[in-house]
Amino acid sequence: MIANSRSGSANRAILARALAVFGSRAVLHSFEGDPAPVAEQAVRDGYPIVVAAGGDGTVAGVAHALAGTPAALAVLPMGTFNYFARGLNTPQDPSAAATAILAGEPHAIAVGTVNGRVFLNNVALGLYPAILDDREATYLRFGRSRILAHWSALRTILRLQRPMRWSFVIDGMTVVRRTPMIFIARSAYQLDQFGLAGTDAISQDRFAIYIARQSTRLALLKLAWRLMRGKVDLSSDVELIQAKTLVIDRRRRRSIRIAYDGEREKMSLPLTFDIDADGLSVILPPEKAVMVKGAVA
């Protein structure tokens, strides 16, 4: 099991409850910063299952290390939103989650990649990375909560300057758009939570790409409010495009700051998105495994 070495007392209690269920079958490894190197070492050491204990960022880092290897990923949810874990139907209670992992089965899933980096939920461009920067600063000052996450988003929108010009190559076709925000989604659970159409793209191993139509602070504030209420109108709020392959570029820019699964990173342009079919083995709770197998059959 891999967990952040700087986990607070509440998270240490979660780890203790999970380890009590795992018993001697689990070994706890700590990391600081990126969990991928620790996960890579776990693969070299021959562990068949690697449990990512943390939020979506930690899970994505471990998934990147495990993709294409024989090791399977399991998740002990310890984040604010836990979209990937919830999408797997992993219990949020640590003891129940550990029990589900022990009873679960490995199943291969498709994952998205951007410039070779695995992501599980989404990649966001434009305004959203700035929202996450503000969120983390707010968390450090006041602690973690969903209300503070939404408040930091609204505050960042109020500082919006102007929409940016983007070039897209979508399944070989080039289009240009001006927009302040772009989301490239791979999580059907997250789309359902925000009331967004496009879950069929996920089941077909495609990307659901959302391009915000709004260009003013007021319009974006209204969009943020509709997102929180799950009332987004595709005809007026966002443009939805489904694609198997995607390349995004900005004129006269060599790199850009992106957000993926709650993490931020500066990446070289253009950004190349691909689907890695059956790229990652994950441990599914027994009832989820049956459902997935039934859907495939």
C-alpha atoms as a PDB file:
ATOM      1  CA  MET A   1       0.000   0.000   0.000  1.00  0.00           C
ATOM      2  CA  ILE A   2       1.329   3.426  -0.983  1.00  0.00           C
ATOM      3  CA  ALA A   3       0.456   6.549   1.027  1.00  0.00           C
ATOM      4  CA  ASN A   4       1.729  10.110   1.392  1.00  0.00           C
ATOM      5  CA  SER A   5       4.259  10.330   4.211  1.00  0.00           C
ATOM      6  CA  ARG A   6       2.773  13.691   5.205  1.00  0.00           C
ATOM      7  CA  SER A   7      -0.705  12.326   5.877  1.00  0.00           C
ATOM      8  CA  GLY A   8      -2.424  14.014   8.813  1.00  0.00           C
ATOM      9  CA  SER A   9      -3.752  12.285  11.896  1.00  0.00           C
ATOM     10  CA  ALA A  10      -7.159  11.647  10.291  1.00  0.00           C
ATOM     11  CA  ASN A  11      -5.554   9.911   7.304  1.00  0.00           C
ATOM     12  CA  ARG A  12      -3.235   7.906   9.551  1.00  0.00           C
ATOM     13  CA  ALA A  13      -6.331   6.609  11.319  1.00  0.00           C
ATOM     14  CA  ILE A  14      -7.797   5.593   7.938  1.00  0.00           C
ATOM     15  CA  LEU A  15      -4.577   3.752   7.056  1.00  0.00           C
ATOM     16  CA  ALA A  16      -4.587   1.963  10.423  1.00  0.00           C
ATOM     17  CA  ARG A  17      -8.148   0.719   9.911  1.00  0.00           C
ATOM     18  CA  ALA A  18      -7.336  -0.571   6.420  1.00  0.00           C
ATOM     19  CA  LEU A  19      -4.105  -2.247   7.560  1.00  0.00           C
ATOM     20  CA  ALA A  20      -6.015  -3.992  10.348  1.00  0.00           C
ATOM     21  CA  VAL A  21      -8.138  -5.662   7.648  1.00  0.00           C
ATOM     22  CA  PHE A  22      -5.229  -6.427   5.304  1.00  0.00           C
ATOM     23  CA  GLY A  23      -3.114  -7.877   8.124  1.00  0.00           C
ATOM     24  CA  SER A  24       0.276  -9.290   7.171  1.00  0.00           C
ATOM     25  CA  ARG A  25      -0.713  -9.392   3.498  1.00  0.00           C
ATOM     26  CA  ALA A  26      -0.010  -5.643   3.140  1.00  0.00           C
ATOM     27  CA  VAL A  27       3.166  -3.589   3.463  1.00  0.00           C
ATOM     28  CA  LEU A  28       2.914   0.206   3.793  1.00  0.00           C
ATOM     29  CA  HIS A  29       5.283   2.316   1.665  1.00  0.00           C
ATOM     30  CA  SER A  30       5.418   6.110   1.975  1.00  0.00           C
ATOM     31  CA  PHE A  31       6.103   8.736  -0.678  1.00  0.00           C
ATOM     32  CA  GLU A  32       6.626  12.482  -0.929  1.00  0.00           C
ATOM     33  CA  GLY A  33       5.571  14.349  -4.063  1.00  0.00           C
ATOM     34  CA  ASP A  34       5.098  11.888  -6.930  1.00  0.00           C
ATOM     35  CA  PRO A  35       4.015   8.351  -5.912  1.00  0.00           C
ATOM     36  CA  ALA A  36       5.037   6.847  -9.274  1.00  0.00           C
ATOM     37  CA  PRO A  37       8.661   5.950  -8.342  1.00  0.00           C
ATOM     38  CA  VAL A  38       7.480   4.049  -5.254  1.00  0.00           C
ATOM     39  CA  ALA A  39       4.854   2.237  -7.338  1.00  0.00           C
ATOM     40  CA  GLU A  40       7.480   1.353  -9.969  1.00  0.00           C
ATOM     41  CA  GLN A  41       9.671  -0.158  -7.271  1.00  0.00           C
ATOM     42  CA  ALA A  42       6.686  -2.175  -6.010  1.00  0.00           C
ATOM     43  CA  VAL A  43       6.286  -3.632  -9.510  1.00  0.00           C
ATOM     44  CA  ARG A  44       9.993  -4.512  -9.649  1.00  0.00           C
ATOM     45  CA  ASP A  45       9.650  -6.151  -6.243  1.00  0.00           C
ATOM     46  CA  GLY A  46       6.928  -8.398  -7.641  1.00  0.00           C
ATOM     47  CA  TYR A  47       3.845  -7.146  -5.791  1.00  0.00           C
ATOM     48  CA  PRO A  48       0.766  -8.372  -7.738  1.00  0.00           C
ATOM     49  CA  ILE A  49      -1.512  -5.639  -6.296  1.00  0.00           C
ATOM     50  CA  VAL A  50      -0.559  -2.073  -5.418  1.00  0.00           C
ATOM     51  CA  VAL A  51      -3.025  -0.139  -3.260  1.00  0.00           C
ATOM     52  CA  ALA A  52      -3.035   3.625  -3.826  1.00  0.00           C
ATOM     53  CA  ALA A  53      -4.114   5.230  -0.536  1.00  0.00           C
ATOM     54  CA  GLY A  54      -5.118   8.815  -1.254  1.00  0.00           C
ATOM     55  CA  GLY A  55      -7.122  11.082  -3.520  1.00  0.00           C
ATOM     56  CA  ASP A  56      -7.430  11.143  -7.295  1.00  0.00           C
ATOM     57  CA  GLY A  57      -3.964  12.682  -7.752  1.00  0.00           C
ATOM     58  CA  THR A  58      -2.257   9.892  -5.820  1.00  0.00           C
ATOM     59  CA  VAL A  59      -4.285   7.253  -7.648  1.00  0.00           C
ATOM     60  CA  ALA A  60      -3.377   8.744 -11.045  1.00  0.00           C
ATOM     61  CA  GLY A  61       0.326   8.769 -10.165  1.00  0.00           C
ATOM     62  CA  VAL A  62       0.249   5.110  -9.168  1.00  0.00           C
ATOM     63  CA  ALA A  63      -1.832   4.227 -12.242  1.00  0.00           C
ATOM     64  CA  HIS A  64       0.790   5.851 -14.493  1.00  0.00           C
ATOM     65  CA  ALA A  65       3.453   3.602 -12.982  1.00  0.00           C
ATOM     66  CA  LEU A  66       1.340   0.424 -13.218  1.00  0.00           C
ATOM     67  CA  ALA A  67      -0.028   0.897 -16.763  1.00  0.00           C
ATOM     68  CA  GLY A  68       1.291  -1.829 -19.038  1.00  0.00           C
ATOM     69  CA  THR A  69       2.625  -3.946 -16.150  1.00  0.00           C
ATOM     70  CA  PRO A  70       1.266  -7.197 -14.631  1.00  0.00           C
ATOM     71  CA  ALA A  71       0.476  -5.424 -11.336  1.00  0.00           C
ATOM     72  CA  ALA A  72      -3.122  -4.432 -10.577  1.00  0.00           C
ATOM     73  CA  LEU A  73      -4.197  -1.128  -9.039  1.00  0.00           C
ATOM     74  CA  ALA A  74      -6.502  -1.011  -5.996  1.00  0.00           C
ATOM     75  CA  VAL A  75      -7.756   2.178  -4.336  1.00  0.00           C
ATOM     76  CA  LEU A  76      -8.186   3.140  -0.689  1.00  0.00           C
ATOM     77  CA  PRO A  77     -10.122   6.453  -0.944  1.00  0.00           C
ATOM     78  CA  MET A  78      -8.631   9.281   1.142  1.00  0.00           C
ATOM     79  CA  GLY A  79      -9.256  12.388  -0.963  1.00  0.00           C
ATOM     80  CA  THR A  80     -11.865  15.131  -1.173  1.00  0.00           C
ATOM     81  CA  PHE A  81     -13.807  13.856  -4.190  1.00  0.00           C
ATOM     82  CA  ASN A  82     -12.467  10.319  -4.913  1.00  0.00           C
ATOM     83  CA  TYR A  83     -14.068  10.246  -8.371  1.00  0.00           C
ATOM     84  CA  PHE A  84     -12.098   7.246  -9.633  1.00  0.00           C
ATOM     85  CA  ALA A  85     -12.750   5.172  -6.502  1.00  0.00           C
ATOM     86  CA  ARG A  86     -16.460   6.036  -6.571  1.00  0.00           C
ATOM     87  CA  GLY A  87     -16.590   5.073 -10.241  1.00  0.00           C
ATOM     88  CA  LEU A  88     -15.273   1.633  -9.247  1.00  0.00           C
ATOM     89  CA  ASN A  89     -17.940   1.396  -6.508  1.00  0.00           C
ATOM     90  CA  THR A  90     -15.183   1.230  -3.901  1.00  0.00           C
ATOM     91  CA  PRO A  91     -16.640   1.818  -0.403  1.00  0.00           C
ATOM     92  CA  GLN A  92     -15.577   5.092   1.192  1.00  0.00           C
ATOM     93  CA  ASP A  93     -15.230   3.503   4.647  1.00  0.00           C
ATOM     94  CA  PRO A  94     -11.596   2.293   4.999  1.00  0.00           C
ATOM     95  CA  SER A  95     -12.411  -1.081   6.570  1.00  0.00           C
ATOM     96  CA  ALA A  96     -15.098  -1.772   3.956  1.00  0.00           C
ATOM     97  CA  ALA A  97     -12.773  -0.633   1.163  1.00  0.00           C
ATOM     98  CA  ALA A  98     -10.011  -2.980   2.346  1.00  0.00           C
ATOM     99  CA  THR A  99     -12.490  -5.857   2.562  1.00  0.00           C
ATOM    100  CA  ALA A 100     -13.717  -5.115  -0.987  1.00  0.00           C
ATOM    101  CA  ILE A 101     -10.130  -5.072  -2.266  1.00  0.00           C
ATOM    102  CA  LEU A 102      -9.402  -8.473  -0.731  1.00  0.00           C
ATOM    103  CA  ALA A 103     -12.578  -9.921  -2.281  1.00  0.00           C
ATOM    104  CA  GLY A 104     -12.196  -8.118  -5.611  1.00  0.00           C
ATOM    105  CA  GLU A 105     -10.937  -9.272  -8.993  1.00  0.00           C
ATOM    106  CA  PRO A 106      -8.519  -7.699 -11.506  1.00  0.00           C
ATOM    107  CA  HIS A 107     -10.097  -6.255 -14.635  1.00  0.00           C
ATOM    108  CA  ALA A 108      -8.403  -4.488 -17.569  1.00  0.00           C
ATOM    109  CA  ILE A 109      -9.661  -0.981 -18.382  1.00  0.00           C
ATOM    110  CA  ALA A 110      -8.829   1.641 -20.993  1.00  0.00           C
ATOM    111  CA  VAL A 111      -7.114   4.812 -19.798  1.00  0.00           C
ATOM    112  CA  GLY A 112      -6.414   8.159 -21.377  1.00  0.00           C
ATOM    113  CA  THR A 113      -2.925   9.536 -21.895  1.00  0.00           C
ATOM    114  CA  VAL A 114      -1.697  13.064 -22.575  1.00  0.00           C
ATOM    115  CA  ASN A 115       1.853  13.251 -23.961  1.00  0.00           C
ATOM    116  CA  GLY A 116       2.276   9.730 -22.595  1.00  0.00           C
ATOM    117  CA  ARG A 117       1.046  10.587 -19.077  1.00  0.00           C
ATOM    118  CA  VAL A 118      -1.840   8.431 -17.794  1.00  0.00           C
ATOM    119  CA  PHE A 119      -4.936  10.205 -16.464  1.00  0.00           C
ATOM    120  CA  LEU A 120      -8.098   8.637 -15.081  1.00  0.00           C
ATOM    121  CA  ASN A 121     -10.725  11.376 -14.700  1.00  0.00           C
ATOM    122  CA  ASN A 122      -9.950  14.448 -16.786  1.00  0.00           C
ATOM    123  CA  VAL A 123      -7.451  16.893 -18.173  1.00  0.00           C
ATOM    124  CA  ALA A 124      -8.294  20.596 -17.914  1.00  0.00           C
ATOM    125  CA  LEU A 125      -6.766  23.507 -19.802  1.00  0.00           C
ATOM    126  CA  GLY A 126      -7.130  27.248 -19.526  1.00  0.00           C
ATOM    127  CA  LEU A 127      -8.756  28.645 -16.402  1.00  0.00           C
ATOM    128  CA  TYR A 128      -9.010  25.417 -14.395  1.00  0.00           C
ATOM    129  CA  PRO A 129      -5.302  24.961 -13.485  1.00  0.00           C
ATOM    130  CA  ALA A 130      -5.455  28.440 -11.917  1.00  0.00           C
ATOM    131  CA  ILE A 131      -8.560  27.351  -9.976  1.00  0.00           C
ATOM    132  CA  LEU A 132      -6.619  24.394  -8.553  1.00  0.00           C
ATOM    133  CA  ASP A 133      -3.696  26.627  -7.564  1.00  0.00           C
ATOM    134  CA  ASP A 134      -6.107  28.855  -5.625  1.00  0.00           C
ATOM    135  CA  ARG A 135      -7.814  25.792  -4.112  1.00  0.00           C
ATOM    136  CA  GLU A 136      -4.551  24.405  -2.730  1.00  0.00           C
ATOM    137  CA  ALA A 137      -3.630  27.784  -1.238  1.00  0.00           C
ATOM    138  CA  THR A 138      -7.075  27.916   0.390  1.00  0.00           C
ATOM    139  CA  TYR A 139      -6.719  24.357   1.726  1.00  0.00           C
ATOM    140  CA  LEU A 140      -3.360  25.191   3.309  1.00  0.00           C
ATOM    141  CA  ARG A 141      -4.908  28.139   5.116  1.00  0.00           C
ATOM    142  CA  PHE A 142      -8.325  26.816   6.113  1.00  0.00           C
ATOM    143  CA  GLY A 143      -8.282  23.021   5.621  1.00  0.00           C
ATOM    144  CA  ARG A 144      -9.903  20.792   3.015  1.00  0.00           C
ATOM    145  CA  SER A 145     -13.626  20.917   2.239  1.00  0.00           C
ATOM    146  CA  ARG A 146     -15.928  20.862  -0.796  1.00  0.00           C
ATOM    147  CA  ILE A 147     -17.380  24.272   0.087  1.00  0.00           C
ATOM    148  CA  LEU A 148     -13.915  25.839   0.037  1.00  0.00           C
ATOM    149  CA  ALA A 149     -13.161  24.072  -3.259  1.00  0.00           C
ATOM    150  CA  HIS A 150     -16.239  25.653  -4.873  1.00  0.00           C
ATOM    151  CA  TRP A 151     -15.481  29.064  -3.321  1.00  0.00           C
ATOM    152  CA  SER A 152     -11.908  29.094  -4.669  1.00  0.00           C
ATOM    153  CA  ALA A 153     -13.269  28.283  -8.157  1.00  0.00           C
ATOM    154  CA  LEU A 154     -15.645  31.251  -8.059  1.00  0.00           C
ATOM    155  CA  ARG A 155     -12.893  33.570  -6.865  1.00  0.00           C
ATOM    156  CA  THR A 156     -10.575  32.546  -9.708  1.00  0.00           C
ATOM    157  CA  ILE A 157     -13.307  33.088 -12.303  1.00  0.00           C
ATOM    158  CA  LEU A 158     -13.693  36.665 -11.082  1.00  0.00           C
ATOM    159  CA  ARG A 159     -10.065  37.279 -12.113  1.00  0.00           C
ATOM    160  CA  LEU A 160     -10.636  36.078 -15.704  1.00  0.00           C
ATOM    161  CA  GLN A 161      -8.974  38.240 -18.351  1.00  0.00           C
ATOM    162  CA  ARG A 162      -9.994  37.001 -21.818  1.00  0.00           C
ATOM    163  CA  PRO A 163     -10.560  33.689 -23.641  1.00  0.00           C
ATOM    164  CA  MET A 164      -7.625  32.037 -25.423  1.00  0.00           C
ATOM    165  CA  ARG A 165      -7.308  30.833 -29.016  1.00  0.00           C
ATOM    166  CA  TRP A 166      -6.817  27.064 -29.346  1.00  0.00           C
ATOM    167  CA  SER A 167      -6.184  24.743 -32.292  1.00  0.00           C
ATOM    168  CA  PHE A 168      -7.663  21.222 -32.165  1.00  0.00           C
ATOM    169  CA  VAL A 169      -6.979  18.209 -34.358  1.00  0.00           C
ATOM    170  CA  ILE A 170      -9.914  15.916 -33.596  1.00  0.00           C
ATOM    171  CA  ASP A 171      -9.680  12.482 -35.249  1.00  0.00           C
ATOM    172  CA  GLY A 172      -7.673  14.134 -38.029  1.00  0.00           C
ATOM    173  CA  MET A 173      -9.920  17.208 -38.503  1.00  0.00           C
ATOM    174  CA  THR A 174      -8.584  20.668 -37.552  1.00  0.00           C
ATOM    175  CA  VAL A 175     -10.812  23.235 -35.831  1.00  0.00           C
ATOM    176  CA  VAL A 176     -10.049  26.504 -34.009  1.00  0.00           C
ATOM    177  CA  ARG A 177     -11.910  27.838 -30.965  1.00  0.00           C
ATOM    178  CA  ARG A 178     -11.626  30.760 -28.541  1.00  0.00           C
ATOM    179  CA  THR A 179     -12.460  29.634 -25.017  1.00  0.00           C
ATOM    180  CA  PRO A 180     -11.330  30.178 -21.424  1.00  0.00           C
ATOM    181  CA  MET A 181     -11.702  26.486 -20.448  1.00  0.00           C
ATOM    182  CA  ILE A 182     -11.390  23.015 -21.958  1.00  0.00           C
ATOM    183  CA  PHE A 183     -12.082  19.673 -20.247  1.00  0.00           C
ATOM    184  CA  ILE A 184     -11.116  16.304 -21.702  1.00  0.00           C
ATOM    185  CA  ALA A 185     -13.005  13.649 -19.735  1.00  0.00           C
ATOM    186  CA  ARG A 186     -12.532   9.907 -19.176  1.00  0.00           C
ATOM    187  CA  SER A 187     -14.712   9.352 -16.089  1.00  0.00           C
ATOM    188  CA  ALA A 188     -18.375   8.491 -16.628  1.00  0.00           C
ATOM    189  CA  TYR A 189     -18.982   8.809 -12.880  1.00  0.00           C
ATOM    190  CA  GLN A 190     -17.680  12.381 -12.824  1.00  0.00           C
ATOM    191  CA  LEU A 191     -19.828  13.340 -15.830  1.00  0.00           C
ATOM    192  CA  ASP A 192     -22.903  11.927 -14.100  1.00  0.00           C
ATOM    193  CA  GLN A 193     -22.102  13.915 -10.958  1.00  0.00           C
ATOM    194  CA  PHE A 194     -22.088  17.166 -12.924  1.00  0.00           C
ATOM    195  CA  GLY A 195     -25.100  16.282 -15.060  1.00  0.00           C
ATOM    196  CA  LEU A 196     -23.050  16.278 -18.281  1.00  0.00           C
ATOM    197  CA  ALA A 197     -23.901  14.277 -21.389  1.00  0.00           C
ATOM    198  CA  GLY A 198     -21.079  12.264 -22.941  1.00  0.00           C
ATOM    199  CA  THR A 199     -20.923   9.109 -20.836  1.00  0.00           C
ATOM    200  CA  ASP A 200     -21.463   7.085 -24.015  1.00  0.00           C
ATOM    201  CA  ALA A 201     -18.079   8.330 -25.244  1.00  0.00           C
ATOM    202  CA  ILE A 202     -16.401   6.821 -22.191  1.00  0.00           C
ATOM    203  CA  SER A 203     -18.026   3.415 -22.711  1.00  0.00           C
ATOM    204  CA  GLN A 204     -16.874   3.514 -26.360  1.00  0.00           C
ATOM    205  CA  ASP A 205     -13.250   4.214 -25.320  1.00  0.00           C
ATOM    206  CA  ARG A 206     -13.368   7.780 -26.587  1.00  0.00           C
ATOM    207  CA  PHE A 207     -12.745  11.187 -25.041  1.00  0.00           C
ATOM    208  CA  ALA A 208     -15.595  13.517 -24.137  1.00  0.00           C
ATOM    209  CA  ILE A 209     -14.267  17.019 -24.878  1.00  0.00           C
ATOM    210  CA  TYR A 210     -16.057  20.040 -23.403  1.00  0.00           C
ATOM    211  CA  ILE A 211     -15.260  23.502 -24.746  1.00  0.00           C
ATOM    212  CA  ALA A 212     -16.783  26.364 -22.745  1.00  0.00           C
ATOM    213  CA  ARG A 213     -18.765  28.755 -24.925  1.00  0.00           C
ATOM    214  CA  GLN A 214     -18.730  31.562 -22.352  1.00  0.00           C
ATOM    215  CA  SER A 215     -16.152  34.330 -22.529  1.00  0.00           C
ATOM    216  CA  THR A 216     -17.182  36.729 -19.719  1.00  0.00           C
ATOM    217  CA  ARG A 217     -16.875  36.502 -15.932  1.00  0.00           C
ATOM    218  CA  LEU A 218     -20.645  36.640 -15.430  1.00  0.00           C
ATOM    219  CA  ALA A 219     -21.305  33.885 -17.966  1.00  0.00           C
ATOM    220  CA  LEU A 220     -18.638  31.659 -16.390  1.00  0.00           C
ATOM    221  CA  LEU A 221     -20.051  32.259 -12.918  1.00  0.00           C
ATOM    222  CA  LYS A 222     -23.448  31.150 -14.199  1.00  0.00           C
ATOM    223  CA  LEU A 223     -21.829  28.074 -15.774  1.00  0.00           C
ATOM    224  CA  ALA A 224     -20.070  27.223 -12.492  1.00  0.00           C
ATOM    225  CA  TRP A 225     -23.399  27.493 -10.645  1.00  0.00           C
ATOM    226  CA  ARG A 226     -25.113  25.214 -13.173  1.00  0.00           C
ATOM    227  CA  LEU A 227     -22.241  22.721 -12.900  1.00  0.00           C
ATOM    228  CA  MET A 228     -22.645  22.551  -9.126  1.00  0.00           C
ATOM    229  CA  ARG A 229     -26.392  21.968  -9.582  1.00  0.00           C
ATOM    230  CA  GLY A 230     -25.935  19.454 -12.434  1.00  0.00           C
ATOM    231  CA  LYS A 231     -27.932  21.662 -14.804  1.00  0.00           C
ATOM    232  CA  VAL A 232     -25.508  22.321 -17.677  1.00  0.00           C
ATOM    233  CA  ASP A 233     -27.137  23.118 -21.029  1.00  0.00           C
ATOM    234  CA  LEU A 234     -25.020  21.766 -23.893  1.00  0.00           C
ATOM    235  CA  SER A 235     -26.713  24.053 -26.406  1.00  0.00           C
ATOM    236  CA  SER A 236     -25.639  27.246 -24.624  1.00  0.00           C
ATOM    237  CA  ASP A 237     -22.976  26.412 -22.024  1.00  0.00           C
ATOM    238  CA  VAL A 238     -20.466  24.073 -23.634  1.00  0.00           C
ATOM    239  CA  GLU A 239     -19.656  22.424 -26.937  1.00  0.00           C
ATOM    240  CA  LEU A 240     -19.324  18.645 -26.639  1.00  0.00           C
ATOM    241  CA  ILE A 241     -17.066  16.749 -29.039  1.00  0.00           C
ATOM    242  CA  GLN A 242     -16.295  13.029 -28.887  1.00  0.00           C
ATOM    243  CA  ALA A 243     -12.990  11.774 -30.243  1.00  0.00           C
ATOM    244  CA  LYS A 244     -10.656   8.786 -30.304  1.00  0.00           C
ATOM    245  CA  THR A 245      -7.554  10.919 -30.845  1.00  0.00           C
ATOM    246  CA  LEU A 246      -6.936  14.567 -30.063  1.00  0.00           C
ATOM    247  CA  VAL A 247      -4.119  17.086 -30.473  1.00  0.00           C
ATOM    248  CA  ILE A 248      -4.333  20.565 -28.900  1.00  0.00           C
ATOM    249  CA  ASP A 249      -1.974  23.444 -29.621  1.00  0.00           C
ATOM    250  CA  ARG A 250      -1.661  27.183 -29.052  1.00  0.00           C
ATOM    251  CA  ARG A 251       0.061  29.497 -31.483  1.00  0.00           C
ATOM    252  CA  ARG A 252       3.407  30.930 -30.369  1.00  0.00           C
ATOM    253  CA  ARG A 253       3.456  28.794 -27.209  1.00  0.00           C
ATOM    254  CA  ARG A 254       5.963  26.011 -26.533  1.00  0.00           C
ATOM    255  CA  SER A 255       4.460  24.741 -23.301  1.00  0.00           C
ATOM    256  CA  ILE A 256       1.373  25.118 -21.137  1.00  0.00           C
ATOM    257  CA  ARG A 257       0.283  24.400 -17.584  1.00  0.00           C
ATOM    258  CA  ILE A 258      -2.359  21.685 -17.398  1.00  0.00           C
ATOM    259  CA  ALA A 259      -4.400  20.038 -14.660  1.00  0.00           C
ATOM    260  CA  TYR A 260      -5.055  16.300 -14.632  1.00  0.00           C
ATOM    261  CA  ASP A 261      -6.897  14.402 -11.899  1.00  0.00           C
ATOM    262  CA  GLY A 262      -6.351  17.276  -9.466  1.00  0.00           C
ATOM    263  CA  GLU A 263      -2.601  17.621 -10.152  1.00  0.00           C
ATOM    264  CA  ARG A 264      -0.852  20.363 -12.139  1.00  0.00           C
ATOM    265  CA  GLU A 265       2.080  20.068 -14.502  1.00  0.00           C
ATOM    266  CA  LYS A 266       3.747  22.086 -17.243  1.00  0.00           C
ATOM    267  CA  MET A 267       3.772  20.145 -20.530  1.00  0.00           C
ATOM    268  CA  SER A 268       5.255  20.784 -23.953  1.00  0.00           C
ATOM    269  CA  LEU A 269       2.944  21.722 -26.806  1.00  0.00           C
ATOM    270  CA  PRO A 270       1.287  20.270 -28.755  1.00  0.00           C
ATOM    271  CA  LEU A 271      -0.636  18.079 -26.322  1.00  0.00           C
ATOM    272  CA  THR A 272      -1.325  14.648 -27.808  1.00  0.00           C
ATOM    273  CA  PHE A 273      -4.183  12.596 -26.332  1.00  0.00           C
ATOM    274  CA  ASP A 274      -4.605   8.864 -26.924  1.00  0.00           C
ATOM    275  CA  ILE A 275      -6.639   5.966 -25.528  1.00  0.00           C
ATOM    276  CA  ASP A 276      -4.630   3.044 -24.166  1.00  0.00           C
ATOM    277  CA  ALA A 277      -7.118   0.168 -24.499  1.00  0.00           C
ATOM    278  CA  ASP A 278      -6.793  -2.441 -21.717  1.00  0.00           C
ATOM    279  CA  GLY A 279      -3.870  -0.367 -20.502  1.00  0.00           C
ATOM    280  CA  LEU A 280      -4.411  -0.770 -16.765  1.00  0.00           C
ATOM    281  CA  SER A 281      -5.492  -3.639 -14.514  1.00  0.00           C
ATOM    282  CA  VAL A 282      -7.678  -2.531 -11.584  1.00  0.00           C
ATOM    283  CA  ILE A 283      -9.183  -4.419  -8.663  1.00  0.00           C
ATOM    284  CA  LEU A 284     -12.968  -4.187  -8.806  1.00  0.00           C
ATOM    285  CA  PRO A 285     -15.287  -4.960  -5.883  1.00  0.00           C
ATOM    286  CA  PRO A 286     -17.091  -8.280  -6.540  1.00  0.00           C
ATOM    287  CA  GLU A 287     -20.462  -6.728  -7.495  1.00  0.00           C
ATOM    288  CA  LYS A 288     -18.774  -4.219  -9.834  1.00  0.00           C
ATOM    289  CA  ALA A 289     -16.768  -6.980 -11.531  1.00  0.00           C
ATOM    290  CA  VAL A 290     -19.954  -8.930 -12.241  1.00  0.00           C
ATOM    291  CA  MET A 291     -21.605  -5.817 -13.710  1.00  0.00           C
ATOM    292  CA  VAL A 292     -18.639  -5.050 -15.973  1.00  0.00           C
ATOM    293  CA  LYS A 293     -18.402  -8.630 -17.196  1.00  0.00           C
ATOM    294  CA  GLY A 294     -22.122  -8.661 -17.919  1.00  0.00           C
ATOM    295  CA  ALA A 295     -21.833  -5.459 -19.926  1.00  0.00           C
ATOM    296  CA  VAL A 296     -18.958  -6.837 -21.987  1.00  0.00           C
ATOM    297  CA  ALA A 297     -20.723 -10.141 -22.610  1.00  0.00           C
END
